[in-house]
Structures are given as structure tokens and as C-alpha cells.
Amino acid sequence: MWIDQRGSEVLTEAECHQLLAIAAKEDAIGRLAVSGTGAPIVVPVNFAVQDHQILIRVGAGTLADLAIGRLVAFEIDERDRAASSAWSVLVRGLASMVETTTVKDPSQLPHPLVHTPGDTVLAVRPDVVSGRRFSLQAENTITATEYPPAPRPPQ
């Protein structure tokens, strides 16, 4: 086990893939980040995992147009108050459109929570996978004096 400079446990790639698979089976919500024109766009999505790839259903439009054929990021995290711990996994890689006929088990495709789900399936190739697990026991130990007050906007 490797601990980073902030005291977080650095997860192995295998642990990251395991957490992603478990989260997908539990219908967790992740976030897909794409480069937009002028600013990044981050969208909450549900997802499935197949052959370590992240599968996401989206509608036709801006998100699909910005993601297909480009590098994107997908992030998922979970907080377990009972265990006083949390974890986070980040996947970065090329997003491509998947033909639903190539999906091993189409019933396992994510079912978006929006009223009118799209029919475009994106696959995020896991080019770079990283993750951290950390304790929440020190969660409330930061005092207000450690952070300067936020600046007030000019009046």
C-alpha cells in the first residue's frame, strides 16, 4: 500500500476497476468531463462497465459532439460515513461511439435517469486510471482560522 503526501491511500489500477464495477452495479452516479468551447463541461451520468471501459448513454447534441473522438475524464466517488472513509476513482481516455450491437449484454447498458434518454452510447477507454481512499476521521478538524475569509465583491 502506498500513501501519498496528504495521507490518502493510492489505489492500484485493479482496485480502481473493481470499485468502478461495483459502483456501476449499484447504479451510482459519476461525472463525465469534456472540453467545451471556452470552458470544461461536467455532467452527472450513470454508467456501466464492460471490459474495463466506461459505457455512458447520452442524447445527440453538444455532449456527444464534444466527447466523441476526444479525450475525456470520468470520475466517481463514494463516501461511507459508517466506516468514516471515502474513495475516488478518475478515468481519463479517448471517448468513442459504440454500436449497441457490439455490446455483449445490451440489457446491461446504463439507463439514464432523465425522462428522455438518448440512444448514443459512449465508451471511455481507460488510458489513465487512478484512485485514492482516505479516512474521514479528521473531516471536521479544520478550524475557521485556518482559512482566510472569502473576499467580498466590490460594491
N, C-alpha and C. Protein backbone atom coordinates (compact mmCIF):
# COMPACT_ATOMS: atom_id res chain seq x y z
N MET A 1 0.85 -1.18 0.00
CA MET A 1 0.00 0.00 0.00
C MET A 1 0.89 1.24 0.00
N TRP A 2 0.52 2.21 -0.83
CA TRP A 2 1.28 3.44 -0.91
C TRP A 2 0.40 4.58 -0.41
N ILE A 3 0.94 5.42 0.45
CA ILE A 3 0.22 6.57 0.99
C ILE A 3 0.84 7.83 0.39
N ASP A 4 -0.01 8.71 -0.15
CA ASP A 4 0.53 9.94 -0.74
C ASP A 4 0.85 10.98 0.34
N GLN A 5 1.35 12.14 -0.08
CA GLN A 5 1.80 13.18 0.86
C GLN A 5 0.67 13.75 1.71
N ARG A 6 -0.57 13.54 1.33
CA ARG A 6 -1.71 14.05 2.10
C ARG A 6 -2.36 12.98 2.98
N GLY A 7 -1.76 11.78 2.97
CA GLY A 7 -2.27 10.71 3.82
C GLY A 7 -3.33 9.84 3.18
N SER A 8 -3.55 10.00 1.87
CA SER A 8 -4.53 9.17 1.16
C SER A 8 -3.86 7.90 0.65
N GLU A 9 -4.58 6.81 0.72
CA GLU A 9 -4.08 5.54 0.17
C GLU A 9 -4.23 5.58 -1.35
N VAL A 10 -3.16 5.36 -2.06
CA VAL A 10 -3.21 5.32 -3.52
C VAL A 10 -3.66 3.92 -3.94
N LEU A 11 -4.75 3.86 -4.69
CA LEU A 11 -5.31 2.58 -5.11
C LEU A 11 -4.58 2.03 -6.33
N THR A 12 -4.49 0.72 -6.43
CA THR A 12 -3.92 0.09 -7.62
C THR A 12 -4.94 0.20 -8.75
N GLU A 13 -4.50 0.00 -9.96
CA GLU A 13 -5.42 0.05 -11.09
C GLU A 13 -6.49 -1.03 -10.96
N ALA A 14 -6.10 -2.21 -10.48
CA ALA A 14 -7.07 -3.30 -10.30
C ALA A 14 -8.14 -2.91 -9.27
N GLU A 15 -7.73 -2.27 -8.18
CA GLU A 15 -8.70 -1.81 -7.17
C GLU A 15 -9.64 -0.77 -7.77
N CYS A 16 -9.10 0.12 -8.58
CA CYS A 16 -9.93 1.14 -9.23
C CYS A 16 -10.98 0.49 -10.13
N HIS A 17 -10.58 -0.48 -10.93
CA HIS A 17 -11.53 -1.15 -11.82
C HIS A 17 -12.59 -1.90 -11.02
N GLN A 18 -12.19 -2.49 -9.90
CA GLN A 18 -13.15 -3.19 -9.06
C GLN A 18 -14.18 -2.22 -8.47
N LEU A 19 -13.72 -1.08 -7.99
CA LEU A 19 -14.63 -0.07 -7.43
C LEU A 19 -15.57 0.47 -8.51
N LEU A 20 -15.05 0.69 -9.71
CA LEU A 20 -15.89 1.15 -10.83
C LEU A 20 -16.99 0.13 -11.14
N ALA A 21 -16.63 -1.15 -11.19
CA ALA A 21 -17.60 -2.20 -11.50
C ALA A 21 -18.68 -2.29 -10.42
N ILE A 22 -18.27 -2.22 -9.16
CA ILE A 22 -19.23 -2.28 -8.06
C ILE A 22 -20.16 -1.07 -8.11
N ALA A 23 -19.60 0.11 -8.31
CA ALA A 23 -20.41 1.33 -8.37
C ALA A 23 -21.41 1.27 -9.53
N ALA A 24 -20.99 0.74 -10.67
CA ALA A 24 -21.89 0.62 -11.82
C ALA A 24 -23.05 -0.32 -11.49
N LYS A 25 -22.76 -1.43 -10.84
CA LYS A 25 -23.82 -2.38 -10.47
C LYS A 25 -24.78 -1.80 -9.45
N GLU A 26 -24.29 -0.85 -8.64
CA GLU A 26 -25.12 -0.21 -7.62
C GLU A 26 -25.82 1.05 -8.15
N ASP A 27 -25.76 1.26 -9.47
CA ASP A 27 -26.40 2.41 -10.12
C ASP A 27 -25.90 3.75 -9.58
N ALA A 28 -24.62 3.82 -9.31
CA ALA A 28 -24.03 5.07 -8.83
C ALA A 28 -24.02 6.12 -9.93
N ILE A 29 -23.87 7.35 -9.52
CA ILE A 29 -23.79 8.47 -10.46
C ILE A 29 -22.33 8.94 -10.51
N GLY A 30 -21.79 9.02 -11.72
CA GLY A 30 -20.45 9.54 -11.91
C GLY A 30 -20.53 10.87 -12.63
N ARG A 31 -19.38 11.40 -13.02
CA ARG A 31 -19.33 12.66 -13.74
C ARG A 31 -18.44 12.51 -14.98
N LEU A 32 -18.97 12.94 -16.10
CA LEU A 32 -18.22 12.94 -17.35
C LEU A 32 -17.79 14.37 -17.62
N ALA A 33 -16.49 14.56 -17.84
CA ALA A 33 -15.96 15.89 -18.13
C ALA A 33 -15.41 15.91 -19.55
N VAL A 34 -15.83 16.94 -20.29
CA VAL A 34 -15.36 17.13 -21.66
C VAL A 34 -14.86 18.56 -21.80
N SER A 35 -14.01 18.79 -22.78
CA SER A 35 -13.55 20.15 -23.06
C SER A 35 -14.58 20.84 -23.92
N GLY A 36 -15.12 21.92 -23.40
CA GLY A 36 -16.09 22.70 -24.15
C GLY A 36 -15.39 23.86 -24.83
N THR A 37 -16.14 24.64 -25.55
CA THR A 37 -15.56 25.81 -26.18
C THR A 37 -15.46 26.90 -25.11
N GLY A 38 -14.26 27.13 -24.63
CA GLY A 38 -14.04 28.17 -23.64
C GLY A 38 -13.99 27.69 -22.21
N ALA A 39 -14.66 26.58 -21.89
CA ALA A 39 -14.67 26.09 -20.51
C ALA A 39 -15.03 24.61 -20.51
N PRO A 40 -14.54 23.88 -19.50
CA PRO A 40 -14.91 22.46 -19.43
C PRO A 40 -16.39 22.30 -19.08
N ILE A 41 -16.94 21.17 -19.47
CA ILE A 41 -18.31 20.82 -19.15
C ILE A 41 -18.27 19.52 -18.35
N VAL A 42 -18.94 19.49 -17.21
CA VAL A 42 -19.00 18.30 -16.36
C VAL A 42 -20.47 17.95 -16.16
N VAL A 43 -20.82 16.70 -16.50
CA VAL A 43 -22.21 16.28 -16.48
C VAL A 43 -22.35 15.02 -15.62
N PRO A 44 -23.34 15.01 -14.70
CA PRO A 44 -23.58 13.78 -13.94
C PRO A 44 -24.20 12.72 -14.86
N VAL A 45 -23.71 11.48 -14.76
CA VAL A 45 -24.19 10.39 -15.61
C VAL A 45 -24.21 9.09 -14.82
N ASN A 46 -25.13 8.21 -15.20
CA ASN A 46 -25.00 6.85 -14.72
C ASN A 46 -24.24 6.08 -15.79
N PHE A 47 -23.78 4.89 -15.47
CA PHE A 47 -22.82 4.24 -16.36
C PHE A 47 -22.84 2.73 -16.15
N ALA A 48 -22.21 2.05 -17.09
CA ALA A 48 -21.97 0.61 -16.98
C ALA A 48 -20.48 0.39 -17.26
N VAL A 49 -19.99 -0.78 -16.93
CA VAL A 49 -18.60 -1.13 -17.20
C VAL A 49 -18.58 -2.41 -18.03
N GLN A 50 -17.82 -2.38 -19.12
CA GLN A 50 -17.64 -3.57 -19.95
C GLN A 50 -16.19 -3.61 -20.41
N ASP A 51 -15.49 -4.68 -20.12
CA ASP A 51 -14.08 -4.82 -20.49
C ASP A 51 -13.27 -3.61 -20.04
N HIS A 52 -13.52 -3.16 -18.82
CA HIS A 52 -12.84 -2.03 -18.19
C HIS A 52 -13.20 -0.68 -18.82
N GLN A 53 -14.01 -0.66 -19.88
CA GLN A 53 -14.43 0.61 -20.46
C GLN A 53 -15.68 1.11 -19.74
N ILE A 54 -15.79 2.42 -19.65
CA ILE A 54 -16.97 3.05 -19.05
C ILE A 54 -17.97 3.30 -20.18
N LEU A 55 -19.19 2.78 -20.05
CA LEU A 55 -20.22 2.98 -21.06
C LEU A 55 -21.24 3.97 -20.51
N ILE A 56 -21.57 4.97 -21.33
CA ILE A 56 -22.48 6.03 -20.93
C ILE A 56 -23.45 6.28 -22.08
N ARG A 57 -24.76 6.37 -21.77
CA ARG A 57 -25.76 6.71 -22.80
C ARG A 57 -26.04 8.20 -22.73
N VAL A 58 -25.96 8.84 -23.87
CA VAL A 58 -26.25 10.27 -23.94
C VAL A 58 -27.15 10.52 -25.15
N GLY A 59 -27.72 11.69 -25.18
CA GLY A 59 -28.53 12.08 -26.32
C GLY A 59 -27.66 12.76 -27.37
N ALA A 60 -28.19 12.86 -28.56
CA ALA A 60 -27.50 13.59 -29.61
C ALA A 60 -27.41 15.05 -29.19
N GLY A 61 -26.31 15.69 -29.55
CA GLY A 61 -26.18 17.11 -29.21
C GLY A 61 -24.79 17.45 -28.74
N THR A 62 -24.72 18.51 -27.96
CA THR A 62 -23.44 19.09 -27.57
C THR A 62 -22.52 18.12 -26.86
N LEU A 63 -23.01 17.40 -25.84
CA LEU A 63 -22.15 16.50 -25.09
C LEU A 63 -21.56 15.42 -25.98
N ALA A 64 -22.40 14.78 -26.77
CA ALA A 64 -21.91 13.74 -27.68
C ALA A 64 -20.93 14.33 -28.69
N ASP A 65 -21.27 15.49 -29.24
CA ASP A 65 -20.40 16.13 -30.23
C ASP A 65 -19.03 16.46 -29.65
N LEU A 66 -19.00 16.93 -28.39
CA LEU A 66 -17.73 17.30 -27.76
C LEU A 66 -16.93 16.10 -27.30
N ALA A 67 -17.60 14.97 -27.03
CA ALA A 67 -16.91 13.82 -26.47
C ALA A 67 -16.35 12.85 -27.51
N ILE A 68 -17.13 12.56 -28.52
CA ILE A 68 -16.74 11.51 -29.47
C ILE A 68 -15.43 11.86 -30.17
N GLY A 69 -14.48 10.93 -30.07
CA GLY A 69 -13.18 11.10 -30.71
C GLY A 69 -12.22 11.99 -29.95
N ARG A 70 -12.56 12.34 -28.71
CA ARG A 70 -11.71 13.24 -27.93
C ARG A 70 -11.38 12.63 -26.57
N LEU A 71 -10.37 13.21 -25.94
CA LEU A 71 -10.01 12.78 -24.59
C LEU A 71 -11.00 13.38 -23.60
N VAL A 72 -11.49 12.54 -22.69
CA VAL A 72 -12.45 12.97 -21.68
C VAL A 72 -11.98 12.44 -20.32
N ALA A 73 -12.68 12.84 -19.30
CA ALA A 73 -12.42 12.32 -17.96
C ALA A 73 -13.74 11.85 -17.36
N PHE A 74 -13.66 10.77 -16.60
CA PHE A 74 -14.82 10.25 -15.88
C PHE A 74 -14.39 10.06 -14.44
N GLU A 75 -15.24 10.55 -13.51
CA GLU A 75 -14.89 10.45 -12.10
C GLU A 75 -16.08 9.93 -11.31
N ILE A 76 -15.78 9.09 -10.35
CA ILE A 76 -16.81 8.55 -9.45
C ILE A 76 -16.21 8.53 -8.05
N ASP A 77 -17.05 8.80 -7.08
CA ASP A 77 -16.56 8.72 -5.70
C ASP A 77 -17.69 8.25 -4.80
N GLU A 78 -17.31 7.82 -3.62
CA GLU A 78 -18.29 7.34 -2.66
C GLU A 78 -17.82 7.68 -1.26
N ARG A 79 -18.77 8.02 -0.43
CA ARG A 79 -18.49 8.36 0.97
C ARG A 79 -19.24 7.37 1.84
N ASP A 80 -18.53 6.75 2.77
CA ASP A 80 -19.13 5.79 3.70
C ASP A 80 -18.99 6.36 5.11
N ARG A 81 -20.05 7.03 5.56
CA ARG A 81 -20.00 7.67 6.88
C ARG A 81 -19.82 6.63 7.99
N ALA A 82 -20.45 5.47 7.85
CA ALA A 82 -20.36 4.44 8.88
C ALA A 82 -18.92 3.98 9.07
N ALA A 83 -18.18 3.87 7.96
CA ALA A 83 -16.78 3.43 8.03
C ALA A 83 -15.82 4.62 8.13
N SER A 84 -16.34 5.83 8.12
CA SER A 84 -15.54 7.06 8.16
C SER A 84 -14.46 7.04 7.08
N SER A 85 -14.86 6.64 5.87
CA SER A 85 -13.91 6.62 4.77
C SER A 85 -14.59 7.03 3.47
N ALA A 86 -13.78 7.32 2.49
CA ALA A 86 -14.27 7.67 1.16
C ALA A 86 -13.25 7.23 0.14
N TRP A 87 -13.69 7.11 -1.11
CA TRP A 87 -12.77 6.80 -2.19
C TRP A 87 -13.19 7.58 -3.43
N SER A 88 -12.24 7.72 -4.34
CA SER A 88 -12.47 8.42 -5.59
C SER A 88 -11.64 7.76 -6.68
N VAL A 89 -12.24 7.57 -7.85
CA VAL A 89 -11.53 6.99 -8.99
C VAL A 89 -11.71 7.92 -10.18
N LEU A 90 -10.62 8.16 -10.88
CA LEU A 90 -10.61 9.00 -12.07
C LEU A 90 -10.12 8.19 -13.26
N VAL A 91 -10.89 8.21 -14.34
CA VAL A 91 -10.51 7.53 -15.59
C VAL A 91 -10.39 8.61 -16.66
N ARG A 92 -9.26 8.61 -17.33
CA ARG A 92 -9.06 9.54 -18.44
C ARG A 92 -8.76 8.72 -19.68
N GLY A 93 -9.39 9.09 -20.80
CA GLY A 93 -9.14 8.35 -22.02
C GLY A 93 -9.98 8.84 -23.17
N LEU A 94 -9.80 8.18 -24.29
CA LEU A 94 -10.50 8.52 -25.53
C LEU A 94 -11.94 8.04 -25.46
N ALA A 95 -12.87 8.91 -25.83
CA ALA A 95 -14.28 8.54 -25.89
C ALA A 95 -14.63 8.20 -27.34
N SER A 96 -15.35 7.13 -27.51
CA SER A 96 -15.77 6.75 -28.85
C SER A 96 -17.23 6.32 -28.79
N MET A 97 -17.89 6.39 -29.95
CA MET A 97 -19.27 5.95 -30.04
C MET A 97 -19.27 4.44 -30.23
N VAL A 98 -20.19 3.77 -29.54
CA VAL A 98 -20.28 2.32 -29.61
C VAL A 98 -21.59 1.93 -30.27
N GLU A 99 -21.50 1.01 -31.20
CA GLU A 99 -22.73 0.47 -31.78
C GLU A 99 -23.33 -0.49 -30.75
N THR A 100 -24.60 -0.32 -30.45
CA THR A 100 -25.21 -1.16 -29.42
C THR A 100 -25.17 -2.64 -29.79
N THR A 101 -25.02 -2.96 -31.08
CA THR A 101 -24.94 -4.36 -31.49
C THR A 101 -23.62 -5.00 -31.04
N THR A 102 -22.62 -4.18 -30.70
CA THR A 102 -21.34 -4.74 -30.26
C THR A 102 -21.27 -4.91 -28.74
N VAL A 103 -22.28 -4.45 -28.03
CA VAL A 103 -22.31 -4.58 -26.58
C VAL A 103 -22.67 -6.02 -26.23
N LYS A 104 -21.87 -6.64 -25.35
CA LYS A 104 -22.07 -8.05 -25.01
C LYS A 104 -23.47 -8.34 -24.48
N ASP A 105 -23.94 -7.51 -23.57
CA ASP A 105 -25.26 -7.69 -22.98
C ASP A 105 -25.98 -6.35 -22.97
N PRO A 106 -26.76 -6.06 -24.02
CA PRO A 106 -27.42 -4.75 -24.11
C PRO A 106 -28.30 -4.41 -22.90
N SER A 107 -28.79 -5.42 -22.20
CA SER A 107 -29.61 -5.14 -21.02
C SER A 107 -28.78 -4.50 -19.90
N GLN A 108 -27.46 -4.60 -20.01
CA GLN A 108 -26.57 -4.02 -19.01
C GLN A 108 -26.18 -2.58 -19.33
N LEU A 109 -26.66 -2.06 -20.45
CA LEU A 109 -26.37 -0.66 -20.77
C LEU A 109 -27.00 0.24 -19.71
N PRO A 110 -26.37 1.36 -19.42
CA PRO A 110 -26.95 2.25 -18.42
C PRO A 110 -28.29 2.80 -18.91
N HIS A 111 -29.19 2.99 -17.97
CA HIS A 111 -30.49 3.58 -18.26
C HIS A 111 -30.51 4.96 -17.63
N PRO A 112 -30.27 6.01 -18.42
CA PRO A 112 -30.20 7.36 -17.87
C PRO A 112 -31.44 7.71 -17.06
N LEU A 113 -31.24 8.55 -16.07
CA LEU A 113 -32.31 8.93 -15.17
C LEU A 113 -33.19 10.03 -15.75
N VAL A 114 -32.76 10.65 -16.84
CA VAL A 114 -33.55 11.72 -17.44
C VAL A 114 -34.78 11.13 -18.11
N HIS A 115 -35.81 11.96 -18.31
CA HIS A 115 -37.07 11.48 -18.86
C HIS A 115 -36.96 10.99 -20.30
N THR A 116 -36.10 11.62 -21.07
CA THR A 116 -35.93 11.22 -22.47
C THR A 116 -34.46 10.86 -22.70
N PRO A 117 -34.10 9.60 -22.42
CA PRO A 117 -32.70 9.21 -22.58
C PRO A 117 -32.30 9.18 -24.05
N GLY A 118 -31.03 9.41 -24.27
CA GLY A 118 -30.52 9.37 -25.64
C GLY A 118 -30.16 7.96 -26.04
N ASP A 119 -29.87 7.79 -27.31
CA ASP A 119 -29.53 6.47 -27.85
C ASP A 119 -28.07 6.34 -28.21
N THR A 120 -27.27 7.37 -27.96
CA THR A 120 -25.85 7.31 -28.25
C THR A 120 -25.12 6.70 -27.06
N VAL A 121 -24.33 5.66 -27.33
CA VAL A 121 -23.55 5.04 -26.27
C VAL A 121 -22.10 5.42 -26.47
N LEU A 122 -21.54 6.04 -25.44
CA LEU A 122 -20.12 6.40 -25.45
C LEU A 122 -19.34 5.37 -24.66
N ALA A 123 -18.17 5.03 -25.13
CA ALA A 123 -17.25 4.19 -24.38
C ALA A 123 -16.02 5.03 -24.06
N VAL A 124 -15.66 5.09 -22.79
CA VAL A 124 -14.45 5.80 -22.38
C VAL A 124 -13.37 4.75 -22.17
N ARG A 125 -12.36 4.81 -23.00
CA ARG A 125 -11.23 3.87 -22.91
C ARG A 125 -10.39 4.26 -21.70
N PRO A 126 -10.05 3.32 -20.84
CA PRO A 126 -9.30 3.64 -19.62
C PRO A 126 -7.80 3.78 -19.88
N ASP A 127 -7.40 4.88 -20.51
CA ASP A 127 -5.98 5.10 -20.79
C ASP A 127 -5.19 5.37 -19.52
N VAL A 128 -5.74 6.20 -18.63
CA VAL A 128 -5.10 6.52 -17.35
C VAL A 128 -6.16 6.33 -16.27
N VAL A 129 -5.86 5.48 -15.29
CA VAL A 129 -6.79 5.19 -14.21
C VAL A 129 -6.06 5.44 -12.89
N SER A 130 -6.66 6.24 -12.03
CA SER A 130 -6.06 6.50 -10.73
C SER A 130 -7.15 6.60 -9.68
N GLY A 131 -6.77 6.36 -8.44
CA GLY A 131 -7.76 6.44 -7.38
C GLY A 131 -7.12 6.61 -6.02
N ARG A 132 -7.93 7.08 -5.08
CA ARG A 132 -7.49 7.30 -3.70
C ARG A 132 -8.57 6.83 -2.75
N ARG A 133 -8.15 6.35 -1.60
CA ARG A 133 -9.05 6.05 -0.49
C ARG A 133 -8.53 6.84 0.70
N PHE A 134 -9.43 7.43 1.46
CA PHE A 134 -8.96 8.24 2.58
C PHE A 134 -9.95 8.18 3.73
N SER A 135 -9.42 8.46 4.89
CA SER A 135 -10.21 8.45 6.12
C SER A 135 -10.92 9.78 6.28
N LEU A 136 -12.12 9.73 6.83
CA LEU A 136 -12.88 10.95 7.10
C LEU A 136 -12.82 11.34 8.56
N GLN A 137 -12.03 10.65 9.35
CA GLN A 137 -11.99 10.91 10.79
C GLN A 137 -11.52 12.32 11.10
N ALA A 138 -10.67 12.87 10.28
CA ALA A 138 -10.17 14.22 10.50
C ALA A 138 -11.02 15.25 9.77
N GLU A 139 -12.19 14.83 9.33
CA GLU A 139 -13.04 15.67 8.48
C GLU A 139 -13.35 17.03 9.09
N ASN A 140 -13.61 17.09 10.37
CA ASN A 140 -14.02 18.35 10.99
C ASN A 140 -12.93 18.98 11.84
N THR A 141 -11.68 18.67 11.56
CA THR A 141 -10.61 19.21 12.39
C THR A 141 -10.09 20.55 11.89
N ILE A 142 -10.48 20.99 10.72
CA ILE A 142 -10.03 22.27 10.19
C ILE A 142 -10.83 23.38 10.86
N THR A 143 -10.14 24.31 11.42
CA THR A 143 -10.83 25.42 12.09
C THR A 143 -10.99 26.59 11.14
N ALA A 144 -11.88 27.45 11.48
CA ALA A 144 -12.15 28.62 10.63
C ALA A 144 -10.92 29.51 10.53
N THR A 145 -10.05 29.48 11.53
CA THR A 145 -8.87 30.35 11.49
C THR A 145 -7.84 29.88 10.48
N GLU A 146 -7.96 28.63 10.01
CA GLU A 146 -7.01 28.12 9.04
C GLU A 146 -7.30 28.61 7.63
N TYR A 147 -8.51 29.10 7.41
CA TYR A 147 -8.88 29.62 6.11
C TYR A 147 -9.17 31.10 6.24
N PRO A 148 -8.54 31.92 5.43
CA PRO A 148 -8.89 33.34 5.48
C PRO A 148 -10.31 33.53 4.98
N PRO A 149 -10.99 34.57 5.44
CA PRO A 149 -12.35 34.81 4.95
C PRO A 149 -12.32 35.10 3.45
N ALA A 150 -13.40 34.70 2.79
CA ALA A 150 -13.51 34.93 1.36
C ALA A 150 -13.60 36.43 1.10
N PRO A 151 -12.95 36.90 0.04
CA PRO A 151 -13.02 38.35 -0.25
C PRO A 151 -14.43 38.72 -0.67
N ARG A 152 -14.83 39.90 -0.26
CA ARG A 152 -16.15 40.41 -0.62
C ARG A 152 -16.08 41.07 -1.98
N PRO A 153 -17.13 40.87 -2.78
CA PRO A 153 -17.13 41.53 -4.09
C PRO A 153 -17.22 43.04 -3.93
N PRO A 154 -16.64 43.79 -4.86
CA PRO A 154 -16.71 45.26 -4.78
C PRO A 154 -18.16 45.73 -4.87
N GLN A 155 -18.45 46.79 -4.14
CA GLN A 155 -19.83 47.30 -4.10
C GLN A 155 -20.01 48.48 -5.01
